[in-house]
Amino acid sequence: MPRVLPVLILIGLTIFTLVTVAQSDAVEVRHLPRWLWFVIVLVIPALGLFLWWLFGRPIPGDPGNPNRPSRPSAPDDDPEFLRGL
């Protein structure tokens, strides 16, 4: 059992990371395209999942991402919302 536990933990973390990669917004993923992160995590599970969590995952509220579309901060700043009033 002690030899099986690290393998089960690695499989669980890999599945969790693959789901996180698949659910993340493609525009906000850093450094590489989302599909390539998926392949890296799948092909190199131990290293790939650490690379994703350190370098690839989107950081909430990261203003330094040039690909991220600008969103209004409040409803009254949103022209679509004001048009609907």
Foldseek 3Di string as FASTA:
>chain_A
DVVVVVVVVLVVLLVVQLVQLVPADQQQWPDDGSVVLNVQCVVPVPVSSVCCVVTTGGDPPDPPRPSDDDDDPDLVVDPVSVVVD
